[in-house]
Amino acid sequence: MADITIIGSGNMARAIGTRAVAAGRSVQILSRSAEHAAALAAELGGGTTSGGLGDVPDGDIVVLALYFGPAREVATHYGDTLSGKTVVDISNPVDTDTYDSLTVPPGSSAAEEISALLPGADVVKAFNTTFAGTLAAGAAGGMPLDVFIASDSDEAASKVASFAAAAGLRPLRVGGLKHARELEGFQLLVMALQVNPAYDAFNWGTGLKIVDQPG
């Protein structure tokens, strides 16, 4: 049995898997391509296991390390299989042709739509404001990344916060799942900055940080 199941085998799956192994958590990688999942598991090491979407997620925490469309498909695919689990949605429903709007209706969010597909699971919005490169490193500009966490389940939010802290990150709980709307909207602006030629030094290598004044 794994502590954390990561569904996906792309850059964010690699980054979250890297943090999970660093935190001493056992990891299972599942992907549409079992071969890609096996390759990532071998790269991560630490006894990481792998499989395809025909396999049952082992982890108590299941991370959908996918874009919004595929995350919705995977949620539909697994359905009640994820009941009782903490499911983490990292997606940003951004129109990547323009980086100027979200693709979910006003007053909704990707996390809330996925939660509606998984009524038996505790859905948590987290890691949507972190980019893969800096997340794999665990820091940007010499400072640990902040991980903003929204969920209607205090227990599920606590599990994800504990994982983030063990991974060397700073968890910041922002309230109920409805606040995924603000997190996704904020990340839309940050993503737009990455592709803005006026800020070509950013290049997806930035990290969000709430800086407090000592004393």
Protein backbone atom coordinates (compact mmCIF):
# COMPACT_ATOMS: atom_id res chain seq x y z
CA MET A 1 0.00 0.00 0.00
CA ALA A 2 1.20 3.50 -0.86
CA ASP A 3 0.66 6.64 1.20
CA ILE A 4 0.08 8.79 -1.88
CA THR A 5 -1.21 7.84 -5.33
CA ILE A 6 -0.35 10.27 -8.11
CA ILE A 7 -2.42 9.95 -11.26
CA GLY A 8 -0.46 11.29 -14.21
CA SER A 9 3.11 10.99 -15.43
CA GLY A 10 3.94 14.50 -16.64
CA ASN A 11 5.98 17.32 -15.14
CA MET A 12 3.66 18.02 -12.21
CA ALA A 13 3.40 14.33 -11.37
CA ARG A 14 7.21 14.20 -11.35
CA ALA A 15 7.44 17.31 -9.15
CA ILE A 16 4.86 16.14 -6.61
CA GLY A 17 6.39 12.67 -6.61
CA THR A 18 9.81 14.19 -5.94
CA ARG A 19 8.43 16.10 -2.95
CA ALA A 20 6.58 13.01 -1.70
CA VAL A 21 9.70 10.84 -1.79
CA ALA A 22 11.66 13.63 -0.08
CA ALA A 23 8.97 13.64 2.62
CA GLY A 24 9.46 9.92 3.18
CA ARG A 25 6.04 9.01 1.81
CA SER A 26 5.48 5.85 -0.23
CA VAL A 27 4.19 6.63 -3.72
CA GLN A 28 2.16 4.91 -6.42
CA ILE A 29 2.12 6.35 -9.96
CA LEU A 30 -0.86 5.56 -12.22
CA SER A 31 -1.20 6.77 -15.80
CA ARG A 32 -3.02 6.03 -19.03
CA SER A 33 0.36 4.77 -20.22
CA ALA A 34 1.59 2.12 -17.79
CA GLU A 35 4.99 2.41 -19.49
CA HIS A 36 5.24 6.12 -18.72
CA ALA A 37 4.13 5.45 -15.15
CA ALA A 38 6.81 2.78 -14.74
CA ALA A 39 9.48 5.09 -16.13
CA LEU A 40 8.54 7.85 -13.68
CA ALA A 41 8.40 5.40 -10.78
CA ALA A 42 11.90 4.21 -11.61
CA GLU A 43 13.10 7.81 -11.81
CA LEU A 44 11.60 8.71 -8.42
CA GLY A 45 12.95 5.60 -6.68
CA GLY A 46 12.17 5.12 -3.01
CA GLY A 47 10.19 1.96 -3.74
CA THR A 48 7.68 3.85 -5.90
CA THR A 49 5.21 1.52 -7.61
CA SER A 50 3.29 2.05 -10.82
CA GLY A 51 0.38 0.90 -12.94
CA GLY A 52 -2.32 1.91 -15.39
CA LEU A 53 -5.79 3.34 -14.95
CA GLY A 54 -7.14 -0.18 -14.65
CA ASP A 55 -5.43 -0.39 -11.27
CA VAL A 56 -7.03 0.77 -8.02
CA PRO A 57 -5.39 3.78 -6.32
CA ASP A 58 -3.69 2.60 -3.12
CA GLY A 59 -3.04 5.92 -1.47
CA ASP A 60 -5.16 7.54 1.20
CA ILE A 61 -4.26 10.76 -0.66
CA VAL A 62 -4.89 10.65 -4.42
CA VAL A 63 -3.39 13.50 -6.44
CA LEU A 64 -4.90 14.20 -9.85
CA ALA A 65 -1.72 15.57 -11.45
CA LEU A 66 -3.56 16.36 -14.66
CA TYR A 67 -5.04 19.18 -16.69
CA PHE A 68 -8.67 19.93 -15.90
CA GLY A 69 -10.20 17.96 -18.80
CA PRO A 70 -8.27 14.74 -18.11
CA ALA A 71 -8.79 15.18 -14.35
CA ARG A 72 -12.53 15.28 -14.91
CA GLU A 73 -12.32 12.15 -17.08
CA VAL A 74 -10.30 10.28 -14.46
CA ALA A 75 -12.73 11.32 -11.70
CA THR A 76 -15.58 9.94 -13.79
CA HIS A 77 -13.58 6.78 -14.50
CA TYR A 78 -12.88 6.00 -10.85
CA GLY A 79 -16.08 7.37 -9.32
CA ASP A 80 -17.01 5.53 -6.12
CA THR A 81 -13.61 3.80 -6.09
CA LEU A 82 -12.26 7.02 -4.57
CA SER A 83 -14.90 7.18 -1.82
CA GLY A 84 -13.32 7.83 1.57
CA LYS A 85 -10.11 9.14 0.04
CA THR A 86 -8.61 12.60 0.01
CA VAL A 87 -8.47 13.68 -3.64
CA VAL A 88 -6.24 16.61 -4.57
CA ASP A 89 -7.10 18.67 -7.64
CA ILE A 90 -4.12 20.70 -8.91
CA SER A 91 -5.65 21.87 -12.19
CA ASN A 92 -6.16 25.36 -13.53
CA PRO A 93 -9.04 25.63 -16.03
CA VAL A 94 -7.26 28.27 -18.10
CA ASP A 95 -7.89 29.10 -21.76
CA THR A 96 -4.33 28.48 -22.94
CA ASP A 97 -4.97 30.11 -26.31
CA THR A 98 -5.32 33.51 -24.66
CA TYR A 99 -4.36 33.11 -20.97
CA ASP A 100 -7.10 35.66 -20.42
CA SER A 101 -10.01 33.65 -19.02
CA LEU A 102 -11.07 30.53 -17.16
CA THR A 103 -13.05 27.78 -18.86
CA VAL A 104 -15.43 27.09 -15.96
CA PRO A 105 -18.64 29.08 -15.43
CA PRO A 106 -18.55 32.14 -13.14
CA GLY A 107 -19.17 31.12 -9.54
CA SER A 108 -17.63 27.69 -10.04
CA SER A 109 -14.18 26.13 -10.17
CA ALA A 110 -12.41 23.06 -11.48
CA ALA A 111 -12.18 21.69 -7.95
CA GLU A 112 -15.90 22.09 -7.31
CA GLU A 113 -16.77 20.41 -10.61
CA ILE A 114 -14.50 17.49 -9.79
CA SER A 115 -15.97 17.31 -6.28
CA ALA A 116 -19.44 16.97 -7.80
CA LEU A 117 -18.19 13.89 -9.68
CA LEU A 118 -16.76 12.36 -6.48
CA PRO A 119 -19.41 12.82 -3.77
CA GLY A 120 -17.86 10.09 -1.63
CA ALA A 121 -14.37 11.65 -1.61
CA ASP A 122 -12.97 14.68 0.21
CA VAL A 123 -11.68 16.98 -2.52
CA VAL A 124 -8.86 19.41 -1.78
CA LYS A 125 -7.56 22.19 -3.99
CA ALA A 126 -3.78 22.41 -3.64
CA PHE A 127 -0.59 22.76 -5.69
CA ASN A 128 -2.38 24.69 -8.44
CA THR A 129 -0.27 27.77 -7.68
CA THR A 130 3.06 25.93 -7.98
CA PHE A 131 4.96 25.35 -11.20
CA ALA A 132 6.68 22.03 -11.83
CA GLY A 133 10.28 23.24 -11.89
CA THR A 134 10.21 25.17 -8.64
CA LEU A 135 8.01 22.54 -6.97
CA ALA A 136 10.53 19.81 -7.76
CA ALA A 137 13.21 21.99 -6.17
CA GLY A 138 10.91 22.84 -3.27
CA ALA A 139 11.83 26.51 -3.35
CA ALA A 140 12.16 29.63 -5.49
CA GLY A 141 14.54 32.48 -4.80
CA GLY A 142 15.89 30.57 -1.82
CA MET A 143 12.49 30.49 -0.08
CA PRO A 144 10.21 27.45 0.41
CA LEU A 145 7.13 27.49 -1.77
CA ASP A 146 3.75 28.27 -0.29
CA VAL A 147 1.01 25.70 -0.95
CA PHE A 148 -2.49 27.16 -0.74
CA ILE A 149 -5.09 24.63 0.42
CA ALA A 150 -8.87 24.84 0.12
CA SER A 151 -11.30 22.11 1.22
CA ASP A 152 -14.63 21.62 2.92
CA SER A 153 -13.07 18.79 4.95
CA ASP A 154 -10.85 19.87 7.82
CA GLU A 155 -9.41 16.36 8.06
CA ALA A 156 -8.53 16.20 4.37
CA ALA A 157 -7.01 19.69 4.43
CA SER A 158 -4.92 18.67 7.44
CA LYS A 159 -3.62 15.58 5.62
CA VAL A 160 -2.51 17.63 2.62
CA ALA A 161 -1.01 20.33 4.86
CA SER A 162 0.96 17.68 6.76
CA PHE A 163 2.27 16.26 3.49
CA ALA A 164 3.28 19.70 2.22
CA ALA A 165 5.09 20.55 5.45
CA ALA A 166 6.94 17.22 5.48
CA ALA A 167 7.97 17.92 1.87
CA GLY A 168 9.68 21.15 2.91
CA LEU A 169 6.89 23.47 1.74
CA ARG A 170 4.71 25.91 3.67
CA PRO A 171 1.01 24.99 3.72
CA LEU A 172 -1.47 27.86 3.93
CA ARG A 173 -5.10 26.89 4.50
CA VAL A 174 -7.46 29.42 2.93
CA GLY A 175 -10.86 27.94 3.85
CA GLY A 176 -13.57 25.97 2.09
CA LEU A 177 -13.50 24.50 -1.39
CA LYS A 178 -15.35 27.54 -2.77
CA HIS A 179 -12.06 29.42 -2.43
CA ALA A 180 -10.66 27.28 -5.23
CA ARG A 181 -12.33 29.91 -7.42
CA GLU A 182 -9.96 32.60 -6.14
CA LEU A 183 -6.94 30.30 -6.28
CA GLU A 184 -7.65 29.35 -9.89
CA GLY A 185 -8.35 32.96 -10.86
CA PHE A 186 -5.17 34.16 -9.20
CA GLN A 187 -3.10 31.51 -10.95
CA LEU A 188 -4.62 32.61 -14.27
CA LEU A 189 -2.94 35.98 -13.72
CA VAL A 190 0.37 34.38 -12.71
CA MET A 191 0.34 32.09 -15.76
CA ALA A 192 -0.37 35.06 -18.01
CA LEU A 193 2.76 36.73 -16.64
CA GLN A 194 4.83 33.70 -17.60
CA VAL A 195 3.89 34.02 -21.28
CA ASN A 196 4.06 37.83 -21.36
CA PRO A 197 7.17 38.84 -23.38
CA ALA A 198 7.58 41.84 -21.09
CA TYR A 199 8.59 39.38 -18.35
CA ASP A 200 10.61 36.87 -20.33
CA ALA A 201 12.86 36.10 -17.35
CA PHE A 202 9.97 34.44 -15.52
CA ASN A 203 9.69 31.46 -17.93
CA TRP A 204 7.64 29.26 -15.54
CA GLY A 205 10.38 29.46 -12.93
CA THR A 206 8.58 31.65 -10.40
CA GLY A 207 6.99 30.81 -7.07
CA LEU A 208 4.26 32.48 -5.01
CA LYS A 209 5.13 33.57 -1.49
CA ILE A 210 3.27 35.41 1.24
CA VAL A 211 6.04 37.30 3.00
CA ASP A 212 5.47 38.35 6.59
CA GLN A 213 7.25 41.12 8.43
CA PRO A 214 9.27 39.74 11.39
CA GLY A 215 8.53 41.28 14.76
